[in-house]
Amino acid sequence: MRRALPYLVLAAAVAGVLAGRGRQQVVLRRLDPGVAPPTVAPSPHAARPSRSRAPEGADAGTTDRGATRRSHLPPSLAGTAPDGQLAVDDSGRLVVTRETRRFFDYFLAAGAEDGAGRARARLVAEVRSRLPARAVPEAIDLLDRYLTYRRRARVAEQAPDAGARLSLLHAVREQTLGPETARAFFADEEAVEEAGVERARIFADPWLDAAERERRAAALEERLPEPVREARAEALAPLRLAHQEGQLRASGASAAEIRALRERSFGAEAADRLEELDRQRVAWQQRLDDYRVARDAIERNESLDAGARDRAIETLRSERFTPEERLRVAALDRIRQARP
């Protein structure tokens, strides 16, 4: 597991690539400056919108008003920028997308902190300030249906069986939000959850051998939406590389062979960073091993009482590690001492 950790650093960089993928051809113009347009799902209100845009004057002064509004956010949201966004089509009607739900969720997250009523009122004020008049009642109506869904979903989520839970949630979403909005808000999420339920069934089936289970699991992955498949593949890539590296090292592979595997997986620049991480990890482990040798010598010194021994160990840490490193070393010492 320790070998896998450095590769997780790459996952964050790789994930950034995904942010630009999967965009549909509907062109959106953001109603809050500074955030890229969202992926657009079909609007339940406007058939085939040619483009979604901000109303005239929507951008003017938005930053100042947004700063004023955000100054009244609860502590949990202070210093943050709204997630998601709101968008309208050419006729000024609301375009419902996954980004709409993210925008709602951002402001509703404070409900547990200052009450559901205040969170809704704050969100309604945001909607009125960001949308043209025609879209405001649509957005508020959608918000209230979404709030109803969230209340009903809490009951559905209590279902003990994962498959039953997913079916109940799907039904609640369609009944409360309508089929089109439910798809816009939850389609990718449901696809992943359905695949997870089916995957569990596959691997619990005693009549399937390992090869058949892997074949069926791979087929499930292929049926996922393309953006989801890409995100999952990229997220797992560092762990796959760690596994492949472990196999190569176990077989006695050279440093050049490890380097070649890394370059094939992530490119030369990433391979350079991984090599630097290797050097840092080796250097840290050497320092830690040297410290433990000295610490064990202190522990074995029978001329020291318990208090003198503790002070000597603290002095040793102070001499060999920075304040931040000392916290880590002390934690590692506790883990080591707890082992049988």
Protein backbone atom coordinates (compact mmCIF):
# COMPACT_ATOMS: atom_id res chain seq x y z
CA MET A 1 0.00 0.00 0.00
CA ARG A 2 2.87 2.38 0.79
CA ARG A 3 4.17 1.92 -2.74
CA ALA A 4 0.80 2.93 -4.17
CA LEU A 5 0.59 6.22 -2.32
CA PRO A 6 3.04 8.28 -4.43
CA TYR A 7 1.11 7.44 -7.57
CA LEU A 8 -2.03 8.96 -6.17
CA VAL A 9 -0.31 12.34 -6.62
CA LEU A 10 -0.60 11.76 -10.35
CA ALA A 11 -4.31 11.07 -10.14
CA ALA A 12 -5.03 14.71 -9.29
CA ALA A 13 -3.05 15.92 -12.30
CA VAL A 14 -4.63 13.37 -14.61
CA ALA A 15 -8.10 14.22 -13.37
CA GLY A 16 -7.62 17.79 -14.61
CA VAL A 17 -7.53 16.52 -18.15
CA LEU A 18 -11.00 15.07 -17.72
CA ALA A 19 -12.49 18.44 -16.85
CA GLY A 20 -12.35 19.50 -20.49
CA ARG A 21 -13.86 16.30 -21.88
CA GLY A 22 -17.41 15.26 -22.55
CA ARG A 23 -18.72 18.70 -23.50
CA GLN A 24 -21.79 18.73 -25.70
CA GLN A 25 -22.25 21.11 -28.58
CA VAL A 26 -24.62 23.49 -26.77
CA VAL A 27 -22.67 26.66 -26.06
CA LEU A 28 -23.26 28.14 -22.64
CA ARG A 29 -22.38 31.54 -21.33
CA ARG A 30 -21.94 31.60 -17.56
CA LEU A 31 -24.21 33.67 -15.35
CA ASP A 32 -21.48 34.06 -12.72
CA PRO A 33 -18.06 35.19 -14.06
CA GLY A 34 -14.91 33.14 -13.79
CA VAL A 35 -16.16 29.55 -14.10
CA ALA A 36 -16.09 27.48 -17.26
CA PRO A 37 -19.36 26.46 -18.96
CA PRO A 38 -21.00 23.21 -17.87
CA THR A 39 -21.84 20.08 -19.78
CA VAL A 40 -25.39 20.62 -20.93
CA ALA A 41 -28.15 18.07 -20.68
CA PRO A 42 -31.40 18.54 -22.62
CA SER A 43 -33.61 21.14 -20.99
CA PRO A 44 -37.06 20.01 -19.86
CA HIS A 45 -38.35 23.48 -20.75
CA ALA A 46 -36.71 24.35 -24.06
CA ALA A 47 -36.58 21.94 -26.97
CA ARG A 48 -33.26 21.92 -28.82
CA PRO A 49 -31.82 25.18 -27.50
CA SER A 50 -29.27 26.39 -30.04
CA ARG A 51 -27.20 28.09 -27.37
CA SER A 52 -27.55 29.08 -23.74
CA ARG A 53 -26.54 32.50 -22.64
CA ALA A 54 -26.60 35.07 -19.89
CA PRO A 55 -29.26 37.76 -20.08
CA GLU A 56 -28.28 41.26 -21.08
CA GLY A 57 -26.56 42.94 -18.16
CA ALA A 58 -26.29 39.75 -16.14
CA ASP A 59 -22.53 40.05 -15.95
CA ALA A 60 -22.46 43.70 -14.99
CA GLY A 61 -21.84 44.09 -11.31
CA THR A 62 -22.22 40.37 -10.62
CA THR A 63 -18.84 40.16 -8.95
CA ASP A 64 -19.64 42.93 -6.49
CA ARG A 65 -23.06 41.53 -5.69
CA GLY A 66 -21.58 38.05 -5.38
CA ALA A 67 -18.93 39.34 -2.99
CA THR A 68 -21.63 41.03 -0.92
CA ARG A 69 -23.75 37.88 -0.85
CA ARG A 70 -20.82 35.65 -0.01
CA SER A 71 -19.90 37.90 2.91
CA HIS A 72 -23.14 36.66 4.53
CA LEU A 73 -22.48 32.98 3.98
CA PRO A 74 -22.31 30.69 7.02
CA PRO A 75 -18.84 29.75 8.29
CA SER A 76 -18.76 26.44 6.41
CA LEU A 77 -19.04 28.28 3.07
CA ALA A 78 -17.03 31.39 3.92
CA GLY A 79 -14.12 31.96 1.56
CA THR A 80 -15.48 29.55 -1.05
CA ALA A 81 -16.87 30.13 -4.54
CA PRO A 82 -20.23 28.71 -5.63
CA ASP A 83 -20.03 25.30 -7.25
CA GLY A 84 -21.99 24.57 -10.41
CA GLN A 85 -23.86 27.26 -12.32
CA LEU A 86 -27.17 28.41 -13.71
CA ALA A 87 -27.78 28.86 -17.43
CA VAL A 88 -30.55 29.96 -19.76
CA ASP A 89 -31.26 29.43 -23.44
CA ASP A 90 -31.77 32.09 -26.14
CA SER A 91 -35.35 32.67 -25.03
CA GLY A 92 -34.33 33.23 -21.42
CA ARG A 93 -35.66 29.89 -20.16
CA LEU A 94 -33.78 27.83 -17.61
CA VAL A 95 -31.51 25.09 -18.98
CA VAL A 96 -31.44 22.20 -16.51
CA THR A 97 -28.13 20.35 -16.27
CA ARG A 98 -26.01 18.50 -13.76
CA GLU A 99 -24.46 21.92 -13.03
CA THR A 100 -27.84 23.18 -11.82
CA ARG A 101 -27.92 20.47 -9.18
CA ARG A 102 -24.34 21.26 -8.14
CA PHE A 103 -25.30 24.92 -7.76
CA PHE A 104 -28.28 24.00 -5.56
CA ASP A 105 -26.19 21.58 -3.48
CA TYR A 106 -23.53 24.21 -2.80
CA PHE A 107 -25.96 26.53 -1.04
CA LEU A 108 -28.07 23.78 0.53
CA ALA A 109 -24.96 22.33 2.17
CA ALA A 110 -25.34 25.02 4.84
CA GLY A 111 -28.80 23.79 5.80
CA ALA A 112 -27.51 21.72 8.70
CA GLU A 113 -25.59 24.75 9.93
CA ASP A 114 -28.18 27.52 9.88
CA GLY A 115 -31.44 25.75 9.05
CA ALA A 116 -33.13 24.55 5.87
CA GLY A 117 -35.34 27.65 5.69
CA ARG A 118 -32.43 30.08 5.68
CA ALA A 119 -30.50 27.95 3.19
CA ARG A 120 -33.49 27.99 0.81
CA ALA A 121 -33.98 31.74 1.24
CA ARG A 122 -30.31 32.37 0.50
CA LEU A 123 -30.51 30.20 -2.61
CA VAL A 124 -33.70 31.90 -3.84
CA ALA A 125 -31.95 35.26 -3.49
CA GLU A 126 -29.03 33.93 -5.55
CA VAL A 127 -31.42 32.67 -8.23
CA ARG A 128 -33.20 36.04 -8.44
CA SER A 129 -29.91 37.92 -8.75
CA ARG A 130 -28.44 35.64 -11.43
CA LEU A 131 -31.32 34.74 -13.74
CA PRO A 132 -33.56 36.78 -16.05
CA ALA A 133 -37.12 37.26 -14.84
CA ARG A 134 -38.53 34.56 -17.12
CA ALA A 135 -36.27 31.86 -15.67
CA VAL A 136 -36.66 32.77 -11.99
CA PRO A 137 -40.02 31.01 -11.33
CA GLU A 138 -38.78 27.96 -13.24
CA ALA A 139 -35.66 27.77 -11.10
CA ILE A 140 -37.54 28.29 -7.83
CA ASP A 141 -40.10 25.64 -8.78
CA LEU A 142 -37.25 23.24 -9.62
CA LEU A 143 -35.53 24.09 -6.33
CA ASP A 144 -38.66 23.27 -4.33
CA ARG A 145 -39.11 19.98 -6.18
CA TYR A 146 -35.46 19.18 -5.52
CA LEU A 147 -35.91 19.93 -1.82
CA THR A 148 -38.91 17.61 -1.77
CA TYR A 149 -36.82 14.95 -3.48
CA ARG A 150 -34.05 15.29 -0.88
CA ARG A 151 -36.55 14.75 1.94
CA ARG A 152 -38.10 11.71 0.27
CA ALA A 153 -34.69 10.30 -0.67
CA ARG A 154 -33.70 10.06 2.99
CA VAL A 155 -36.43 7.44 3.43
CA ALA A 156 -35.51 5.54 0.26
CA GLU A 157 -31.86 5.45 1.28
CA GLN A 158 -32.77 3.36 4.33
CA ALA A 159 -33.48 0.31 2.15
CA PRO A 160 -31.13 -2.44 3.32
CA ASP A 161 -30.59 -3.93 -0.13
CA ALA A 162 -28.47 -1.91 -2.57
CA GLY A 163 -30.58 -2.88 -5.57
CA ALA A 164 -33.84 -1.98 -3.82
CA ARG A 165 -32.34 1.30 -2.64
CA LEU A 166 -31.33 2.24 -6.18
CA SER A 167 -34.75 1.34 -7.59
CA LEU A 168 -36.53 3.35 -4.91
CA LEU A 169 -34.30 6.38 -5.45
CA HIS A 170 -34.83 6.22 -9.22
CA ALA A 171 -38.61 6.11 -8.74
CA VAL A 172 -38.55 9.00 -6.26
CA ARG A 173 -36.41 11.08 -8.64
CA GLU A 174 -38.74 10.57 -11.59
CA GLN A 175 -41.90 11.12 -9.56
CA THR A 176 -40.62 14.27 -7.85
CA LEU A 177 -38.44 15.90 -10.50
CA GLY A 178 -39.84 14.44 -13.71
CA PRO A 179 -38.01 11.97 -16.00
CA GLU A 180 -36.00 14.55 -17.97
CA THR A 181 -34.75 16.49 -14.96
CA ALA A 182 -34.01 13.23 -13.12
CA ARG A 183 -31.81 12.18 -16.06
CA ALA A 184 -30.08 15.55 -16.19
CA PHE A 185 -29.34 15.46 -12.46
CA PHE A 186 -28.60 11.78 -11.84
CA ALA A 187 -28.03 9.78 -15.06
CA ASP A 188 -24.27 9.27 -14.69
CA GLU A 189 -24.54 8.67 -10.96
CA GLU A 190 -27.22 6.02 -11.44
CA ALA A 191 -25.20 4.31 -14.17
CA VAL A 192 -22.27 3.93 -11.79
CA GLU A 193 -24.47 2.70 -8.94
CA GLU A 194 -26.27 0.19 -11.18
CA ALA A 195 -22.93 -1.14 -12.38
CA GLY A 196 -21.78 -1.47 -8.78
CA VAL A 197 -24.87 -3.48 -7.81
CA GLU A 198 -24.49 -5.77 -10.81
CA ARG A 199 -20.78 -6.18 -10.20
CA ALA A 200 -21.48 -7.29 -6.63
CA ARG A 201 -23.93 -9.86 -7.95
CA ILE A 202 -21.38 -11.16 -10.43
CA PHE A 203 -18.65 -11.65 -7.86
CA ALA A 204 -21.10 -13.23 -5.39
CA ASP A 205 -22.28 -15.81 -7.94
CA PRO A 206 -20.70 -19.16 -6.94
CA TRP A 207 -21.41 -20.65 -10.36
CA LEU A 208 -19.03 -18.28 -12.16
CA ASP A 209 -15.31 -18.92 -12.36
CA ALA A 210 -12.77 -16.11 -12.01
CA ALA A 211 -12.35 -15.61 -15.75
CA GLU A 212 -16.10 -15.30 -16.36
CA ARG A 213 -16.47 -12.87 -13.49
CA GLU A 214 -13.75 -10.64 -14.93
CA ARG A 215 -15.29 -10.85 -18.40
CA ARG A 216 -18.71 -9.80 -17.14
CA ALA A 217 -17.24 -7.04 -14.97
CA ALA A 218 -15.35 -5.68 -17.99
CA ALA A 219 -18.58 -5.74 -20.01
CA LEU A 220 -20.27 -3.69 -17.28
CA GLU A 221 -17.54 -1.05 -17.53
CA GLU A 222 -18.03 -0.83 -21.28
CA ARG A 223 -21.72 -0.01 -20.81
CA LEU A 224 -21.00 3.01 -18.62
CA PRO A 225 -21.24 6.51 -20.17
CA GLU A 226 -17.98 7.46 -21.86
CA PRO A 227 -17.08 10.34 -19.49
CA VAL A 228 -17.61 8.01 -16.53
CA ARG A 229 -15.47 5.29 -18.10
CA GLU A 230 -12.68 7.75 -18.77
CA ALA A 231 -12.79 9.16 -15.25
CA ARG A 232 -12.75 5.70 -13.67
CA ALA A 233 -9.91 4.53 -15.89
CA GLU A 234 -7.84 7.60 -15.09
CA ALA A 235 -8.53 7.34 -11.37
CA LEU A 236 -7.40 3.70 -11.31
CA ALA A 237 -4.35 4.25 -13.52
CA PRO A 238 -1.94 5.06 -10.63
CA LEU A 239 -3.00 1.91 -8.76
CA ARG A 240 -2.60 -0.18 -11.90
CA LEU A 241 0.87 1.25 -12.35
CA ALA A 242 1.73 0.46 -8.72
CA HIS A 243 0.58 -3.13 -9.22
CA GLN A 244 2.58 -3.49 -12.43
CA GLU A 245 5.64 -1.98 -10.78
CA GLY A 246 5.34 -4.40 -7.89
CA GLN A 247 5.28 -7.30 -10.29
CA LEU A 248 8.31 -5.99 -12.17
CA ARG A 249 10.30 -5.39 -8.99
CA ALA A 250 9.42 -8.87 -7.71
CA SER A 251 10.79 -10.33 -10.92
CA GLY A 252 14.05 -8.38 -10.51
CA ALA A 253 13.40 -5.67 -13.10
CA SER A 254 16.01 -2.97 -13.55
CA ALA A 255 15.54 0.75 -12.89
CA ALA A 256 15.47 1.28 -16.66
CA GLU A 257 12.57 -1.15 -17.03
CA ILE A 258 10.65 0.60 -14.24
CA ARG A 259 11.32 3.93 -15.94
CA ALA A 260 10.05 2.58 -19.27
CA LEU A 261 6.82 1.38 -17.65
CA ARG A 262 6.24 4.78 -16.08
CA GLU A 263 6.85 6.62 -19.34
CA ARG A 264 4.42 4.36 -21.19
CA SER A 265 1.80 4.96 -18.52
CA PHE A 266 2.13 8.69 -17.84
CA GLY A 267 4.90 10.19 -19.97
CA ALA A 268 8.48 11.31 -19.37
CA GLU A 269 7.64 14.28 -17.15
CA ALA A 270 5.57 12.16 -14.78
CA ALA A 271 8.30 9.51 -14.76
CA ASP A 272 10.77 12.20 -13.68
CA ARG A 273 8.49 13.23 -10.81
CA LEU A 274 8.04 9.63 -9.72
CA GLU A 275 11.79 9.11 -9.68
CA GLU A 276 12.16 12.20 -7.50
CA LEU A 277 9.49 10.82 -5.19
CA ASP A 278 11.43 7.56 -5.03
CA ARG A 279 14.57 9.43 -4.00
CA GLN A 280 12.70 11.40 -1.35
CA ARG A 281 11.09 8.25 -0.01
CA VAL A 282 14.41 6.41 0.21
CA ALA A 283 16.08 9.38 1.92
CA TRP A 284 13.23 9.69 4.42
CA GLN A 285 13.28 5.98 5.20
CA GLN A 286 17.03 6.12 5.80
CA ARG A 287 16.64 9.03 8.21
CA LEU A 288 13.83 7.21 10.00
CA ASP A 289 15.87 3.99 10.27
CA ASP A 290 18.85 5.89 11.69
CA TYR A 291 16.59 7.60 14.23
CA ARG A 292 15.10 4.28 15.31
CA VAL A 293 18.52 2.79 15.89
CA ALA A 294 19.40 5.72 18.16
CA ARG A 295 16.00 5.61 19.85
CA ASP A 296 16.31 1.89 20.56
CA ALA A 297 19.72 2.55 22.14
CA ILE A 298 18.09 5.09 24.47
CA GLU A 299 15.33 2.62 25.33
CA ARG A 300 17.93 -0.01 26.26
CA ASN A 301 19.96 2.37 28.44
CA GLU A 302 19.27 1.05 31.95
CA SER A 303 20.93 4.06 33.58
CA LEU A 304 18.02 6.28 32.52
CA ASP A 305 14.74 6.42 34.38
CA ALA A 306 11.46 6.78 32.46
CA GLY A 307 11.46 10.59 32.56
CA ALA A 308 15.09 10.92 31.44
CA ARG A 309 14.45 8.40 28.68
CA ASP A 310 11.47 10.38 27.36
CA ARG A 311 13.47 13.63 27.44
CA ALA A 312 16.36 12.01 25.59
CA ILE A 313 14.01 10.74 22.89
CA GLU A 314 12.44 14.21 22.52
CA THR A 315 15.91 15.73 22.19
CA LEU A 316 16.79 13.13 19.57
CA ARG A 317 13.70 14.00 17.52
CA SER A 318 14.40 17.72 17.81
CA GLU A 319 17.95 17.26 16.56
CA ARG A 320 17.03 15.14 13.55
CA PHE A 321 13.65 16.37 12.32
CA THR A 322 11.78 19.58 11.57
CA PRO A 323 8.74 20.47 13.73
CA GLU A 324 6.38 19.09 11.05
CA GLU A 325 8.43 15.91 10.69
CA ARG A 326 8.49 15.42 14.46
CA LEU A 327 4.70 15.14 14.52
CA ARG A 328 4.87 12.43 11.90
CA VAL A 329 7.70 10.59 13.66
CA ALA A 330 5.89 10.69 17.00
CA ALA A 331 2.80 9.18 15.34
CA LEU A 332 4.92 6.47 13.72
CA ASP A 333 6.50 5.72 17.08
CA ARG A 334 3.08 5.26 18.67
CA ILE A 335 2.01 2.90 15.89
CA ARG A 336 5.22 0.94 16.27
CA GLN A 337 4.81 0.64 20.04
CA ALA A 338 1.19 -0.51 19.67
CA ARG A 339 2.18 -3.48 17.55
CA PRO A 340 2.42 -6.80 19.41
